[in-house]
C-alpha atoms as a PDB file:
ATOM      1  CA  UNK A   1       0.000   0.000   0.000  1.00  0.00           C
ATOM      2  CA  UNK A   2       1.273   3.463  -0.806  1.00  0.00           C
ATOM      3  CA  UNK A   3      -0.078   6.937  -0.157  1.00  0.00           C
ATOM      4  CA  UNK A   4       0.676  10.457  -1.291  1.00  0.00           C
ATOM      5  CA  UNK A   5      -0.364  14.075  -0.903  1.00  0.00           C
ATOM      6  CA  UNK A   6      -0.048  16.278  -3.977  1.00  0.00           C
ATOM      7  CA  UNK A   7       0.470  20.054  -3.774  1.00  0.00           C
ATOM      8  CA  UNK A   8       0.156  20.989  -7.434  1.00  0.00           C
ATOM      9  CA  UNK A   9      -2.266  23.795  -8.196  1.00  0.00           C
ATOM     10  CA  UNK A  10      -5.914  23.381  -9.148  1.00  0.00           C
ATOM     11  CA  UNK A  11      -6.338  27.120  -9.793  1.00  0.00           C
ATOM     12  CA  UNK A  12      -3.754  29.687 -10.822  1.00  0.00           C
ATOM     13  CA  UNK A  13      -3.852  33.438 -11.356  1.00  0.00           C
ATOM     14  CA  UNK A  14      -2.304  34.855 -14.527  1.00  0.00           C
ATOM     15  CA  UNK A  15      -0.052  37.576 -13.119  1.00  0.00           C
ATOM     16  CA  UNK A  16       0.853  39.035 -16.517  1.00  0.00           C
ATOM     17  CA  UNK A  17      -2.810  39.669 -17.369  1.00  0.00           C
ATOM     18  CA  UNK A  18      -3.980  40.585 -13.877  1.00  0.00           C
ATOM     19  CA  UNK A  19      -2.062  43.719 -12.963  1.00  0.00           C
ATOM     20  CA  UNK A  20      -3.950  46.809 -11.870  1.00  0.00           C
ATOM     21  CA  UNK A  21      -4.208  50.115 -13.646  1.00  0.00           C
ATOM     22  CA  UNK A  22      -0.735  51.087 -12.424  1.00  0.00           C
ATOM     23  CA  UNK A  23       0.794  47.867 -13.751  1.00  0.00           C
ATOM     24  CA  UNK A  24       1.030  46.172 -10.367  1.00  0.00           C
ATOM     25  CA  UNK A  25      -0.975  44.514  -7.614  1.00  0.00           C
ATOM     26  CA  UNK A  26      -0.617  44.132  -3.852  1.00  0.00           C
ATOM     27  CA  UNK A  27      -0.900  40.751  -2.144  1.00  0.00           C
ATOM     28  CA  UNK A  28      -1.436  40.224   1.578  1.00  0.00           C
ATOM     29  CA  UNK A  29      -1.457  36.692   2.920  1.00  0.00           C
ATOM     30  CA  UNK A  30      -1.601  34.585   6.054  1.00  0.00           C
ATOM     31  CA  UNK A  31      -1.561  30.894   6.894  1.00  0.00           C
ATOM     32  CA  UNK A  32      -5.026  29.769   7.979  1.00  0.00           C
ATOM     33  CA  UNK A  33      -7.149  26.645   7.485  1.00  0.00           C
ATOM     34  CA  UNK A  34      -3.926  24.711   6.806  1.00  0.00           C
ATOM     35  CA  UNK A  35      -3.241  26.713   3.647  1.00  0.00           C
ATOM     36  CA  UNK A  36      -2.109  30.087   2.352  1.00  0.00           C
ATOM     37  CA  UNK A  37      -4.996  32.576   2.411  1.00  0.00           C
ATOM     38  CA  UNK A  38      -4.470  35.569   0.125  1.00  0.00           C
ATOM     39  CA  UNK A  39      -6.064  38.906  -0.642  1.00  0.00           C
ATOM     40  CA  UNK A  40      -4.886  40.332  -3.947  1.00  0.00           C
ATOM     41  CA  UNK A  41      -5.606  44.024  -4.596  1.00  0.00           C
ATOM     42  CA  UNK A  42      -5.211  46.237  -7.660  1.00  0.00           C
ATOM     43  CA  UNK A  43      -4.754  49.201  -5.304  1.00  0.00           C
ATOM     44  CA  UNK A  44      -2.096  50.158  -2.762  1.00  0.00           C
ATOM     45  CA  UNK A  45      -4.350  52.730  -1.061  1.00  0.00           C
ATOM     46  CA  UNK A  46      -3.875  52.598   2.736  1.00  0.00           C
ATOM     47  CA  UNK A  47      -7.598  52.064   3.275  1.00  0.00           C
ATOM     48  CA  UNK A  48      -7.687  49.061   0.956  1.00  0.00           C
ATOM     49  CA  UNK A  49      -4.653  47.487   2.607  1.00  0.00           C
ATOM     50  CA  UNK A  50      -6.195  48.006   6.058  1.00  0.00           C
ATOM     51  CA  UNK A  51      -9.391  46.366   4.788  1.00  0.00           C
ATOM     52  CA  UNK A  52      -7.395  43.365   3.515  1.00  0.00           C
ATOM     53  CA  UNK A  53      -5.753  42.942   6.919  1.00  0.00           C
ATOM     54  CA  UNK A  54      -9.178  43.064   8.548  1.00  0.00           C
ATOM     55  CA  UNK A  55     -10.379  40.366   6.131  1.00  0.00           C
ATOM     56  CA  UNK A  56      -7.425  38.133   7.051  1.00  0.00           C
ATOM     57  CA  UNK A  57      -8.256  38.647  10.727  1.00  0.00           C
ATOM     58  CA  UNK A  58     -11.774  37.449   9.902  1.00  0.00           C
ATOM     59  CA  UNK A  59     -10.294  34.250   8.436  1.00  0.00           C
ATOM     60  CA  UNK A  60      -8.465  33.593  11.702  1.00  0.00           C
ATOM     61  CA  UNK A  61     -11.602  34.247  13.748  1.00  0.00           C
ATOM     62  CA  UNK A  62     -13.792  31.946  11.676  1.00  0.00           C
ATOM     63  CA  UNK A  63     -11.231  29.163  11.596  1.00  0.00           C
ATOM     64  CA  UNK A  64     -11.156  29.176  15.398  1.00  0.00           C
ATOM     65  CA  UNK A  65     -14.946  28.735  15.442  1.00  0.00           C
ATOM     66  CA  UNK A  66     -15.455  26.240  12.610  1.00  0.00           C
ATOM     67  CA  UNK A  67     -12.467  23.871  12.583  1.00  0.00           C
ATOM     68  CA  UNK A  68     -12.673  20.276  13.799  1.00  0.00           C
ATOM     69  CA  UNK A  69      -8.998  20.357  14.738  1.00  0.00           C
ATOM     70  CA  UNK A  70      -9.357  22.561  17.840  1.00  0.00           C
ATOM     71  CA  UNK A  71     -11.182  21.272  20.879  1.00  0.00           C
ATOM     72  CA  UNK A  72     -12.333  24.802  21.719  1.00  0.00           C
ATOM     73  CA  UNK A  73     -14.178  25.429  18.435  1.00  0.00           C
ATOM     74  CA  UNK A  74     -17.953  25.713  18.097  1.00  0.00           C
ATOM     75  CA  UNK A  75     -17.966  22.666  15.818  1.00  0.00           C
ATOM     76  CA  UNK A  76     -16.019  20.579  18.335  1.00  0.00           C
ATOM     77  CA  UNK A  77     -18.524  21.564  21.022  1.00  0.00           C
ATOM     78  CA  UNK A  78     -21.440  20.461  18.819  1.00  0.00           C
ATOM     79  CA  UNK A  79     -19.733  17.167  18.002  1.00  0.00           C
ATOM     80  CA  UNK A  80     -19.223  16.458  21.727  1.00  0.00           C
ATOM     81  CA  UNK A  81     -22.736  17.290  22.929  1.00  0.00           C
ATOM     82  CA  UNK A  82     -25.328  17.244  20.144  1.00  0.00           C
ATOM     83  CA  UNK A  83     -26.133  13.532  20.415  1.00  0.00           C
ATOM     84  CA  UNK A  84     -27.193  14.098  24.039  1.00  0.00           C
ATOM     85  CA  UNK A  85     -28.876  17.504  23.893  1.00  0.00           C
ATOM     86  CA  UNK A  86     -29.724  20.417  21.573  1.00  0.00           C
ATOM     87  CA  UNK A  87     -26.695  22.708  21.307  1.00  0.00           C
ATOM     88  CA  UNK A  88     -27.164  26.428  20.753  1.00  0.00           C
ATOM     89  CA  UNK A  89     -24.764  27.722  18.100  1.00  0.00           C
ATOM     90  CA  UNK A  90     -23.525  31.085  16.854  1.00  0.00           C
ATOM     91  CA  UNK A  91     -24.579  32.853  13.682  1.00  0.00           C
ATOM     92  CA  UNK A  92     -21.735  31.602  11.499  1.00  0.00           C
ATOM     93  CA  UNK A  93     -22.181  27.937  12.344  1.00  0.00           C
ATOM     94  CA  UNK A  94     -25.955  28.136  12.045  1.00  0.00           C
ATOM     95  CA  UNK A  95     -25.639  29.852   8.654  1.00  0.00           C
ATOM     96  CA  UNK A  96     -23.179  27.221   7.437  1.00  0.00           C
ATOM     97  CA  UNK A  97     -25.446  24.413   8.619  1.00  0.00           C
ATOM     98  CA  UNK A  98     -28.381  25.810   6.666  1.00  0.00           C
ATOM     99  CA  UNK A  99     -26.269  26.215   3.529  1.00  0.00           C
ATOM    100  CA  UNK A 100     -24.969  22.664   3.890  1.00  0.00           C
ATOM    101  CA  UNK A 101     -28.442  21.219   4.440  1.00  0.00           C
ATOM    102  CA  UNK A 102     -29.809  22.914   1.317  1.00  0.00           C
ATOM    103  CA  UNK A 103     -26.901  21.813  -0.886  1.00  0.00           C
ATOM    104  CA  UNK A 104     -27.204  18.262   0.444  1.00  0.00           C
ATOM    105  CA  UNK A 105     -30.836  18.177  -0.666  1.00  0.00           C
ATOM    106  CA  UNK A 106     -30.145  19.780  -4.044  1.00  0.00           C
ATOM    107  CA  UNK A 107     -27.272  17.397  -4.884  1.00  0.00           C
ATOM    108  CA  UNK A 108     -29.132  14.161  -4.183  1.00  0.00           C
ATOM    109  CA  UNK A 109     -27.063  13.526  -1.050  1.00  0.00           C
ATOM    110  CA  UNK A 110     -23.685  13.694  -2.826  1.00  0.00           C
ATOM    111  CA  UNK A 111     -22.617  16.540  -0.521  1.00  0.00           C
ATOM    112  CA  UNK A 112     -22.827  15.757   3.182  1.00  0.00           C
ATOM    113  CA  UNK A 113     -21.039  17.513   6.061  1.00  0.00           C
ATOM    114  CA  UNK A 114     -21.768  14.561   8.369  1.00  0.00           C
ATOM    115  CA  UNK A 115     -19.380  12.307   6.403  1.00  0.00           C
ATOM    116  CA  UNK A 116     -16.588  12.769   8.969  1.00  0.00           C
ATOM    117  CA  UNK A 117     -16.916   9.210  10.372  1.00  0.00           C
ATOM    118  CA  UNK A 118     -16.215   7.867   6.877  1.00  0.00           C
ATOM    119  CA  UNK A 119     -13.163  10.100   6.440  1.00  0.00           C
ATOM    120  CA  UNK A 120     -11.889   8.894   9.815  1.00  0.00           C
ATOM    121  CA  UNK A 121     -12.654   5.252   8.973  1.00  0.00           C
ATOM    122  CA  UNK A 122     -10.593   5.418   5.770  1.00  0.00           C
ATOM    123  CA  UNK A 123      -7.729   7.146   7.626  1.00  0.00           C
ATOM    124  CA  UNK A 124      -7.802  10.328   5.557  1.00  0.00           C
ATOM    125  CA  UNK A 125      -8.508  12.599   8.524  1.00  0.00           C
ATOM    126  CA  UNK A 126      -5.182  11.639  10.125  1.00  0.00           C
ATOM    127  CA  UNK A 127      -3.376  11.566   6.737  1.00  0.00           C
ATOM    128  CA  UNK A 128      -2.790   7.824   7.234  1.00  0.00           C
ATOM    129  CA  UNK A 129      -5.110   6.304   4.592  1.00  0.00           C
ATOM    130  CA  UNK A 130      -5.974   2.619   4.668  1.00  0.00           C
ATOM    131  CA  UNK A 131      -8.581   0.071   3.603  1.00  0.00           C
ATOM    132  CA  UNK A 132     -11.216  -0.212   6.340  1.00  0.00           C
ATOM    133  CA  UNK A 133     -12.705  -3.502   7.444  1.00  0.00           C
ATOM    134  CA  UNK A 134     -16.311  -4.260   6.522  1.00  0.00           C
ATOM    135  CA  UNK A 135     -17.523  -3.988  10.115  1.00  0.00           C
ATOM    136  CA  UNK A 136     -15.791  -0.649  10.707  1.00  0.00           C
ATOM    137  CA  UNK A 137     -17.139   0.763   7.446  1.00  0.00           C
ATOM    138  CA  UNK A 138     -20.674  -0.357   8.275  1.00  0.00           C
ATOM    139  CA  UNK A 139     -20.467   1.345  11.670  1.00  0.00           C
ATOM    140  CA  UNK A 140     -19.178   4.550  10.104  1.00  0.00           C
ATOM    141  CA  UNK A 141     -21.960   4.580   7.513  1.00  0.00           C
ATOM    142  CA  UNK A 142     -24.537   4.227  10.276  1.00  0.00           C
ATOM    143  CA  UNK A 143     -23.281   7.529  11.733  1.00  0.00           C
ATOM    144  CA  UNK A 144     -23.601   9.507   8.476  1.00  0.00           C
ATOM    145  CA  UNK A 145     -26.588  11.364   7.065  1.00  0.00           C
ATOM    146  CA  UNK A 146     -28.008  14.898   7.154  1.00  0.00           C
ATOM    147  CA  UNK A 147     -31.390  13.361   7.958  1.00  0.00           C
ATOM    148  CA  UNK A 148     -29.953  12.736  11.424  1.00  0.00           C
ATOM    149  CA  UNK A 149     -29.287  16.444  12.049  1.00  0.00           C
ATOM    150  CA  UNK A 150     -32.136  18.531  13.481  1.00  0.00           C
ATOM    151  CA  UNK A 151     -31.774  22.291  13.039  1.00  0.00           C
ATOM    152  CA  UNK A 152     -34.139  24.419  15.132  1.00  0.00           C
ATOM    153  CA  UNK A 153     -34.349  27.873  13.536  1.00  0.00           C
ATOM    154  CA  UNK A 154     -36.351  29.395  16.386  1.00  0.00           C
ATOM    155  CA  UNK A 155     -33.948  28.271  19.112  1.00  0.00           C
ATOM    156  CA  UNK A 156     -30.864  28.299  16.828  1.00  0.00           C
ATOM    157  CA  UNK A 157     -29.864  24.853  18.024  1.00  0.00           C
ATOM    158  CA  UNK A 158     -28.574  21.664  16.414  1.00  0.00           C
ATOM    159  CA  UNK A 159     -29.194  18.117  17.613  1.00  0.00           C
ATOM    160  CA  UNK A 160     -27.994  14.693  16.382  1.00  0.00           C
ATOM    161  CA  UNK A 161     -30.472  11.832  16.440  1.00  0.00           C
ATOM    162  CA  UNK A 162     -27.870   9.168  17.221  1.00  0.00           C
ATOM    163  CA  UNK A 163     -24.417   8.779  18.814  1.00  0.00           C
ATOM    164  CA  UNK A 164     -21.309   8.842  16.660  1.00  0.00           C
ATOM    165  CA  UNK A 165     -22.456  11.637  14.351  1.00  0.00           C
ATOM    166  CA  UNK A 166     -20.224  14.630  13.723  1.00  0.00           C
ATOM    167  CA  UNK A 167     -19.938  17.712  11.551  1.00  0.00           C
ATOM    168  CA  UNK A 168     -16.939  18.517   9.376  1.00  0.00           C
ATOM    169  CA  UNK A 169     -17.037  21.534   7.059  1.00  0.00           C
ATOM    170  CA  UNK A 170     -13.770  20.793   5.270  1.00  0.00           C
ATOM    171  CA  UNK A 171     -15.502  20.621   1.877  1.00  0.00           C
ATOM    172  CA  UNK A 172     -17.266  23.982   2.212  1.00  0.00           C
ATOM    173  CA  UNK A 173     -15.476  25.926   4.951  1.00  0.00           C
ATOM    174  CA  UNK A 174     -12.771  27.627   2.883  1.00  0.00           C
ATOM    175  CA  UNK A 175     -15.303  29.020   0.450  1.00  0.00           C
ATOM    176  CA  UNK A 176     -17.522  30.180   3.306  1.00  0.00           C
ATOM    177  CA  UNK A 177     -14.612  31.970   4.982  1.00  0.00           C
ATOM    178  CA  UNK A 178     -13.687  33.675   1.697  1.00  0.00           C
ATOM    179  CA  UNK A 179     -17.297  34.874   1.388  1.00  0.00           C
ATOM    180  CA  UNK A 180     -17.133  36.473   4.810  1.00  0.00           C
ATOM    181  CA  UNK A 181     -13.760  38.017   3.980  1.00  0.00           C
ATOM    182  CA  UNK A 182     -15.278  39.467   0.824  1.00  0.00           C
ATOM    183  CA  UNK A 183     -18.061  40.973   2.935  1.00  0.00           C
ATOM    184  CA  UNK A 184     -15.404  42.715   5.042  1.00  0.00           C
ATOM    185  CA  UNK A 185     -13.810  44.213   1.943  1.00  0.00           C
ATOM    186  CA  UNK A 186     -17.145  45.412   0.543  1.00  0.00           C
ATOM    187  CA  UNK A 187     -18.031  47.115   3.826  1.00  0.00           C
ATOM    188  CA  UNK A 188     -14.708  48.981   3.656  1.00  0.00           C
ATOM    189  CA  UNK A 189     -15.352  50.114   0.095  1.00  0.00           C
ATOM    190  CA  UNK A 190     -12.970  47.788  -1.765  1.00  0.00           C
ATOM    191  CA  UNK A 191     -14.305  47.287  -5.307  1.00  0.00           C
ATOM    192  CA  UNK A 192     -11.736  44.942  -6.862  1.00  0.00           C
ATOM    193  CA  UNK A 193     -10.000  42.066  -5.075  1.00  0.00           C
ATOM    194  CA  UNK A 194      -9.191  38.411  -5.572  1.00  0.00           C
ATOM    195  CA  UNK A 195      -9.338  36.169  -2.502  1.00  0.00           C
ATOM    196  CA  UNK A 196      -8.021  32.620  -2.391  1.00  0.00           C
ATOM    197  CA  UNK A 197      -7.544  29.795   0.087  1.00  0.00           C
ATOM    198  CA  UNK A 198      -4.973  27.303  -1.094  1.00  0.00           C
ATOM    199  CA  UNK A 199      -5.161  26.159  -4.706  1.00  0.00           C
ATOM    200  CA  UNK A 200      -8.814  25.124  -4.736  1.00  0.00           C
ATOM    201  CA  UNK A 201     -11.003  28.001  -3.484  1.00  0.00           C
ATOM    202  CA  UNK A 202     -11.299  31.497  -4.923  1.00  0.00           C
ATOM    203  CA  UNK A 203     -13.672  34.479  -4.649  1.00  0.00           C
ATOM    204  CA  UNK A 204     -13.516  37.480  -6.990  1.00  0.00           C
ATOM    205  CA  UNK A 205     -14.765  40.991  -6.243  1.00  0.00           C
ATOM    206  CA  UNK A 206     -15.236  43.077  -9.343  1.00  0.00           C
ATOM    207  CA  UNK A 207     -12.624  42.475 -12.012  1.00  0.00           C
ATOM    208  CA  UNK A 208     -11.269  45.129 -14.338  1.00  0.00           C
ATOM    209  CA  UNK A 209     -10.645  44.687 -18.072  1.00  0.00           C
ATOM    210  CA  UNK A 210     -13.067  41.822 -18.489  1.00  0.00           C
ATOM    211  CA  UNK A 211     -12.460  40.087 -15.181  1.00  0.00           C
ATOM    212  CA  UNK A 212      -9.795  38.333 -13.157  1.00  0.00           C
ATOM    213  CA  UNK A 213      -7.792  35.835 -15.296  1.00  0.00           C
ATOM    214  CA  UNK A 214      -7.868  32.334 -13.792  1.00  0.00           C
ATOM    215  CA  UNK A 215      -6.520  29.060 -15.179  1.00  0.00           C
ATOM    216  CA  UNK A 216      -8.014  25.671 -14.299  1.00  0.00           C
ATOM    217  CA  UNK A 217      -5.255  23.078 -13.913  1.00  0.00           C
ATOM    218  CA  UNK A 218      -6.583  19.738 -12.573  1.00  0.00           C
ATOM    219  CA  UNK A 219      -3.874  17.916 -10.669  1.00  0.00           C
ATOM    220  CA  UNK A 220      -3.908  14.617 -12.504  1.00  0.00           C
ATOM    221  CA  UNK A 221      -4.419  15.980 -16.009  1.00  0.00           C
ATOM    222  CA  UNK A 222      -0.981  17.595 -16.247  1.00  0.00           C
ATOM    223  CA  UNK A 223      -2.034  20.842 -17.926  1.00  0.00           C
ATOM    224  CA  UNK A 224      -4.504  23.669 -18.321  1.00  0.00           C
ATOM    225  CA  UNK A 225      -8.109  22.706 -19.038  1.00  0.00           C
ATOM    226  CA  UNK A 226      -9.597  26.190 -19.368  1.00  0.00           C
ATOM    227  CA  UNK A 227      -8.830  29.876 -18.978  1.00  0.00           C
ATOM    228  CA  UNK A 228     -11.500  31.985 -17.304  1.00  0.00           C
ATOM    229  CA  UNK A 229     -12.180  35.678 -16.947  1.00  0.00           C
ATOM    230  CA  UNK A 230     -14.229  36.051 -13.776  1.00  0.00           C
ATOM    231  CA  UNK A 231     -16.177  38.993 -12.384  1.00  0.00           C
ATOM    232  CA  UNK A 232     -18.047  38.933  -9.062  1.00  0.00           C
ATOM    233  CA  UNK A 233     -18.135  35.207  -8.480  1.00  0.00           C
ATOM    234  CA  UNK A 234     -16.360  32.225  -7.013  1.00  0.00           C
ATOM    235  CA  UNK A 235     -14.584  29.111  -8.224  1.00  0.00           C
ATOM    236  CA  UNK A 236     -14.181  25.888  -6.276  1.00  0.00           C
ATOM    237  CA  UNK A 237     -12.294  22.824  -7.484  1.00  0.00           C
ATOM    238  CA  UNK A 238     -12.167  19.287  -6.112  1.00  0.00           C
ATOM    239  CA  UNK A 239      -9.957  16.505  -7.412  1.00  0.00           C
ATOM    240  CA  UNK A 240      -9.040  12.930  -6.725  1.00  0.00           C
ATOM    241  CA  UNK A 241      -5.295  13.585  -6.683  1.00  0.00           C
ATOM    242  CA  UNK A 242      -4.959  15.675  -3.515  1.00  0.00           C
ATOM    243  CA  UNK A 243      -4.716  12.724  -1.129  1.00  0.00           C
ATOM    244  CA  UNK A 244      -4.889   9.058  -2.067  1.00  0.00           C
ATOM    245  CA  UNK A 245      -3.495   5.599  -1.514  1.00  0.00           C
ATOM    246  CA  UNK A 246      -3.133   2.500  -3.636  1.00  0.00           C
ATOM    247  CA  UNK A 247      -4.000  -1.043  -2.616  1.00  0.00           C
ATOM    248  CA  UNK A 248      -3.652  -4.085  -4.881  1.00  0.00           C
ATOM    249  CA  UNK A 249      -3.245  -1.813  -7.882  1.00  0.00           C
ATOM    250  CA  UNK A 250      -6.372   0.261  -7.198  1.00  0.00           C
ATOM    251  CA  UNK A 251      -6.168   3.994  -6.469  1.00  0.00           C
ATOM    252  CA  UNK A 252      -8.454   5.333  -3.713  1.00  0.00           C
ATOM    253  CA  UNK A 253      -8.950   9.105  -3.426  1.00  0.00           C
ATOM    254  CA  UNK A 254      -9.814  11.077  -0.311  1.00  0.00           C
ATOM    255  CA  UNK A 255     -13.192  12.367  -1.544  1.00  0.00           C
ATOM    256  CA  UNK A 256     -15.784   9.863  -0.335  1.00  0.00           C
ATOM    257  CA  UNK A 257     -19.292   9.259  -1.589  1.00  0.00           C
ATOM    258  CA  UNK A 258     -21.410   9.648   1.577  1.00  0.00           C
ATOM    259  CA  UNK A 259     -24.140   7.525   0.008  1.00  0.00           C
ATOM    260  CA  UNK A 260     -21.957   4.430  -0.400  1.00  0.00           C
ATOM    261  CA  UNK A 261     -19.128   4.995   2.071  1.00  0.00           C
ATOM    262  CA  UNK A 262     -16.515   4.423  -0.652  1.00  0.00           C
ATOM    263  CA  UNK A 263     -14.147   6.834  -2.457  1.00  0.00           C
ATOM    264  CA  UNK A 264     -15.657   8.628  -5.423  1.00  0.00           C
ATOM    265  CA  UNK A 265     -14.594   7.342  -8.833  1.00  0.00           C
ATOM    266  CA  UNK A 266     -15.028   8.215 -12.489  1.00  0.00           C
ATOM    267  CA  UNK A 267     -14.115  11.923 -12.264  1.00  0.00           C
ATOM    268  CA  UNK A 268     -10.578  13.318 -12.071  1.00  0.00           C
ATOM    269  CA  UNK A 269     -11.652  16.859 -11.167  1.00  0.00           C
ATOM    270  CA  UNK A 270     -14.722  19.061 -10.916  1.00  0.00           C
ATOM    271  CA  UNK A 271     -14.640  22.864 -10.951  1.00  0.00           C
ATOM    272  CA  UNK A 272     -17.665  25.039 -10.280  1.00  0.00           C
ATOM    273  CA  UNK A 273     -18.295  28.746 -10.848  1.00  0.00           C
ATOM    274  CA  UNK A 274     -21.055  30.103  -8.616  1.00  0.00           C
ATOM    275  CA  UNK A 275     -22.202  33.232  -6.856  1.00  0.00           C
ATOM    276  CA  UNK A 276     -20.559  32.348  -3.525  1.00  0.00           C
ATOM    277  CA  UNK A 277     -17.431  30.542  -2.416  1.00  0.00           C
ATOM    278  CA  UNK A 278     -19.415  28.222  -0.166  1.00  0.00           C
ATOM    279  CA  UNK A 279     -21.608  27.142  -3.072  1.00  0.00           C
ATOM    280  CA  UNK A 280     -18.670  26.683  -5.442  1.00  0.00           C
ATOM    281  CA  UNK A 281     -16.684  24.593  -2.956  1.00  0.00           C
ATOM    282  CA  UNK A 282     -19.592  22.386  -1.919  1.00  0.00           C
ATOM    283  CA  UNK A 283     -20.803  21.819  -5.472  1.00  0.00           C
ATOM    284  CA  UNK A 284     -17.332  20.926  -6.737  1.00  0.00           C
ATOM    285  CA  UNK A 285     -17.221  18.154  -4.133  1.00  0.00           C
ATOM    286  CA  UNK A 286     -20.736  16.992  -4.997  1.00  0.00           C
ATOM    287  CA  UNK A 287     -19.968  16.894  -8.734  1.00  0.00           C
ATOM    288  CA  UNK A 288     -16.727  15.005  -8.158  1.00  0.00           C
ATOM    289  CA  UNK A 289     -18.901  12.399  -6.435  1.00  0.00           C
ATOM    290  CA  UNK A 290     -21.935  12.523  -8.729  1.00  0.00           C
ATOM    291  CA  UNK A 291     -20.228  13.237 -12.049  1.00  0.00           C
ATOM    292  CA  UNK A 292     -21.482  15.038 -15.139  1.00  0.00           C
ATOM    293  CA  UNK A 293     -24.999  13.644 -14.768  1.00  0.00           C
ATOM    294  CA  UNK A 294     -25.515  15.281 -11.387  1.00  0.00           C
ATOM    295  CA  UNK A 295     -23.842  18.496 -12.591  1.00  0.00           C
ATOM    296  CA  UNK A 296     -26.181  18.650 -15.595  1.00  0.00           C
ATOM    297  CA  UNK A 297     -29.297  18.137 -13.487  1.00  0.00           C
ATOM    298  CA  UNK A 298     -28.204  20.689 -10.891  1.00  0.00           C
ATOM    299  CA  UNK A 299     -27.222  23.396 -13.383  1.00  0.00           C
ATOM    300  CA  UNK A 300     -30.490  22.943 -15.279  1.00  0.00           C
ATOM    301  CA  UNK A 301     -32.397  23.663 -12.061  1.00  0.00           C
ATOM    302  CA  UNK A 302     -30.056  26.411 -10.809  1.00  0.00           C
ATOM    303  CA  UNK A 303     -29.226  29.073 -13.411  1.00  0.00           C
ATOM    304  CA  UNK A 304     -25.980  31.052 -13.058  1.00  0.00           C
ATOM    305  CA  UNK A 305     -23.983  27.980 -12.081  1.00  0.00           C
ATOM    306  CA  UNK A 306     -21.304  26.534 -14.344  1.00  0.00           C
ATOM    307  CA  UNK A 307     -19.206  23.398 -13.993  1.00  0.00           C
ATOM    308  CA  UNK A 308     -16.183  21.909 -15.720  1.00  0.00           C
ATOM    309  CA  UNK A 309     -16.098  18.133 -15.287  1.00  0.00           C
ATOM    310  CA  UNK A 310     -12.933  16.194 -16.137  1.00  0.00           C
ATOM    311  CA  UNK A 311     -13.784  12.472 -16.343  1.00  0.00           C
ATOM    312  CA  UNK A 312     -11.281   9.679 -15.995  1.00  0.00           C
ATOM    313  CA  UNK A 313     -11.974   8.283 -19.455  1.00  0.00           C
ATOM    314  CA  UNK A 314     -13.102  11.099 -21.721  1.00  0.00           C
ATOM    315  CA  UNK A 315     -12.737  14.763 -22.664  1.00  0.00           C
ATOM    316  CA  UNK A 316     -13.605  17.548 -20.202  1.00  0.00           C
ATOM    317  CA  UNK A 317     -17.128  18.956 -20.437  1.00  0.00           C
ATOM    318  CA  UNK A 318     -18.672  22.311 -19.575  1.00  0.00           C
ATOM    319  CA  UNK A 319     -22.137  22.271 -17.999  1.00  0.00           C
ATOM    320  CA  UNK A 320     -24.332  25.311 -17.324  1.00  0.00           C
ATOM    321  CA  UNK A 321     -23.511  29.001 -17.610  1.00  0.00           C
ATOM    322  CA  UNK A 322     -22.315  31.760 -15.256  1.00  0.00           C
ATOM    323  CA  UNK A 323     -23.074  35.307 -16.375  1.00  0.00           C
ATOM    324  CA  UNK A 324     -19.943  36.777 -14.789  1.00  0.00           C
ATOM    325  CA  UNK A 325     -17.509  34.381 -16.477  1.00  0.00           C
ATOM    326  CA  UNK A 326     -16.092  33.985 -19.957  1.00  0.00           C
ATOM    327  CA  UNK A 327     -14.233  30.757 -20.631  1.00  0.00           C
ATOM    328  CA  UNK A 328     -11.730  29.605 -23.213  1.00  0.00           C
ATOM    329  CA  UNK A 329     -11.905  25.822 -23.224  1.00  0.00           C
ATOM    330  CA  UNK A 330      -8.802  23.798 -24.080  1.00  0.00           C
ATOM    331  CA  UNK A 331      -9.783  20.863 -26.265  1.00  0.00           C
END
């Protein structure tokens, strides 16, 4: 058995085409959510730079509340107590729960923030992936399912209907944090900025000269799939190459299908352009699991959503349309 973690980019910014009116840009960054979080500005005005620092502070604050890797976080508190009693939660966690519940329903269960027991069972949470035994996998599957999460809007509480359940927002949290950072910038009057978290999550404010230039580079494809000009939108990308292991000649990726308990297969990468970072991140995970069929059904029912699906055994396909994006597709 072998395992690996790849750090090649999903998304890249074209610096030559992205400079501001003065021929330059300003980038502020910080390490948060186990990745490099950036705010890229086309202005060096003191007010804009102060706003970017405030946005990075917001990333730190939200990570402390929403991570599963700190025992003091709001999510950790819910995971400890919600099987025994309703747990009152703050605005951010309640908002994220509602978003996650709606996307779960709209993606036929392919996106599920209760899939943490499966991630733990396969060893991906501890970065020590392995084949689980049948009994362990069955027990993990019994603890997964948004139907087991009760959200009380009046009391702003969350309750699990059985022991062993847990929340993990790893597949939506970066995009959500970028959305809140973008809100900070808008409140401070920033009109053009590009925010990113690692190589898979990006939110664009404004976008001069036709939009921010972004390249899609799926990890396992070895090249650029598409070039995008994006205005006022978000891109999220999920791929099977980020973390994986091989057993008896079969490759198992870290993105799991919550409906079966097994790693997703058939799609190398899925990228989504949507109005918010949370939506783009969550949908890219769902479409990696559900493939082009799910992406087609979702985009038909939800205008202003666009997806690029890279299958394992065929050419990439574009599904849907996003009004703020123009795309040059590489055949």
